Protein backbone atom coordinates (compact mmCIF):
# COMPACT_ATOMS: atom_id res chain seq x y z
CA UNK A 1 0.32 -5.07 66.50
CA UNK A 2 -3.05 -6.52 67.41
CA UNK A 3 -5.35 -7.63 64.65
CA UNK A 4 -9.05 -8.29 64.64
CA UNK A 5 -10.21 -11.90 64.43
CA UNK A 6 -13.85 -12.10 63.37
CA UNK A 7 -15.98 -15.17 63.95
CA UNK A 8 -19.20 -14.98 61.96
CA UNK A 9 -22.26 -17.06 62.83
CA UNK A 10 -25.59 -17.71 61.21
CA UNK A 11 -28.29 -16.21 63.39
CA UNK A 12 -31.84 -16.99 62.37
CA UNK A 13 -33.59 -17.06 65.74
CA UNK A 14 -33.36 -15.84 69.30
CA UNK A 15 -32.04 -19.29 70.27
CA UNK A 16 -29.14 -18.82 67.83
CA UNK A 17 -28.47 -15.39 69.31
CA UNK A 18 -28.47 -16.79 72.84
CA UNK A 19 -26.10 -19.59 71.81
CA UNK A 20 -23.64 -17.17 70.25
CA UNK A 21 -23.69 -14.94 73.37
CA UNK A 22 -22.90 -18.04 75.43
CA UNK A 23 -20.00 -18.81 73.05
CA UNK A 24 -18.72 -15.28 73.61
CA UNK A 25 -18.51 -15.93 77.35
CA UNK A 26 -16.81 -19.29 76.77
CA UNK A 27 -14.27 -17.64 74.47
CA UNK A 28 -13.38 -15.16 77.21
CA UNK A 29 -12.45 -18.13 79.42
CA UNK A 30 -10.73 -20.09 76.63
CA UNK A 31 -8.47 -17.53 74.99
CA UNK A 32 -4.91 -16.78 76.00
CA UNK A 33 -4.38 -13.73 78.27
CA UNK A 34 -3.00 -11.69 75.36
CA UNK A 35 -6.19 -12.24 73.30
CA UNK A 36 -9.25 -10.15 74.08
CA UNK A 37 -12.91 -10.65 73.19
CA UNK A 38 -13.90 -7.20 71.96
CA UNK A 39 -17.67 -7.55 71.67
CA UNK A 40 -20.17 -8.58 69.05
CA UNK A 41 -22.69 -7.23 66.58
CA UNK A 42 -25.90 -8.61 65.17
CA UNK A 43 -28.09 -8.12 62.15
CA UNK A 44 -31.08 -10.20 61.14
CA UNK A 45 -29.13 -13.09 59.60
CA UNK A 46 -25.64 -13.06 61.06
CA UNK A 47 -23.72 -12.28 64.20
CA UNK A 48 -20.04 -11.48 64.60
CA UNK A 49 -17.77 -11.93 67.61
CA UNK A 50 -14.67 -9.72 67.51
CA UNK A 51 -11.40 -10.79 69.11
CA UNK A 52 -8.23 -8.69 69.32
CA UNK A 53 -5.05 -10.73 68.99
CA UNK A 54 -1.37 -10.36 68.12
CA UNK A 55 -1.61 -13.77 66.46
CA UNK A 56 -5.15 -14.34 65.13
CA UNK A 57 -4.22 -17.57 63.36
CA UNK A 58 -2.96 -19.11 66.60
CA UNK A 59 -6.01 -17.78 68.48
CA UNK A 60 -8.31 -19.46 65.95
CA UNK A 61 -6.34 -22.71 66.12
CA UNK A 62 -6.78 -22.62 69.90
CA UNK A 63 -10.52 -22.16 69.42
CA UNK A 64 -10.71 -24.99 66.86
CA UNK A 65 -8.71 -27.38 69.02
CA UNK A 66 -11.09 -26.73 71.93
CA UNK A 67 -13.95 -28.13 69.80
CA UNK A 68 -16.17 -25.40 71.21
CA UNK A 69 -18.17 -25.14 67.99
CA UNK A 70 -18.05 -28.81 67.00
CA UNK A 71 -21.56 -29.63 68.24
CA UNK A 72 -23.40 -27.16 66.00
CA UNK A 73 -23.29 -25.54 62.60
CA UNK A 74 -23.75 -21.87 63.57
CA UNK A 75 -20.12 -20.86 62.90
CA UNK A 76 -19.99 -20.02 59.20
CA UNK A 77 -16.92 -17.84 58.49
CA UNK A 78 -13.68 -16.74 60.13
CA UNK A 79 -11.37 -13.97 58.94
CA UNK A 80 -8.77 -11.63 60.37
CA UNK A 81 -7.71 -8.13 59.41
CA UNK A 82 -5.76 -5.17 60.62
CA UNK A 83 -7.96 -3.01 62.79
CA UNK A 84 -9.70 -0.41 60.64
CA UNK A 85 -8.84 -2.16 57.36
CA UNK A 86 -11.30 -3.54 54.83
CA UNK A 87 -8.70 -6.04 53.59
CA UNK A 88 -9.06 -9.40 55.26
CA UNK A 89 -7.47 -12.83 55.26
CA UNK A 90 -9.63 -15.93 55.29
CA UNK A 91 -8.98 -18.49 58.01
CA UNK A 92 -12.04 -20.70 57.61
CA UNK A 93 -13.46 -22.15 55.44
CA UNK A 94 -10.46 -22.13 53.14
CA UNK A 95 -12.63 -21.73 50.02
CA UNK A 96 -14.44 -18.64 51.34
CA UNK A 97 -14.75 -15.96 48.66
CA UNK A 98 -17.20 -13.45 50.16
CA UNK A 99 -17.20 -11.88 53.60
CA UNK A 100 -19.35 -9.03 54.75
CA UNK A 101 -19.60 -7.64 58.26
């Protein structure tokens, strides 16, 4: 069963928005064939990229090992959940207590 991996970014300016959109395109190239970038959403302060995956933990480890986000501090939170569920599991940072889409 596919789950939803959610990468949440800080987005305070149009430059941040543009950078996150570019990350979305890079993720499409980076992820395994079974993982699927499923779009994004934006509000004034944060932006989410949604990925569908049978193994969201492995998908995130693949992303981390690529060092795609190493050169900036926009990535702020990563969780996964069953599609349609409000219950989520924190992947990063490990001490995350609050997550809101």
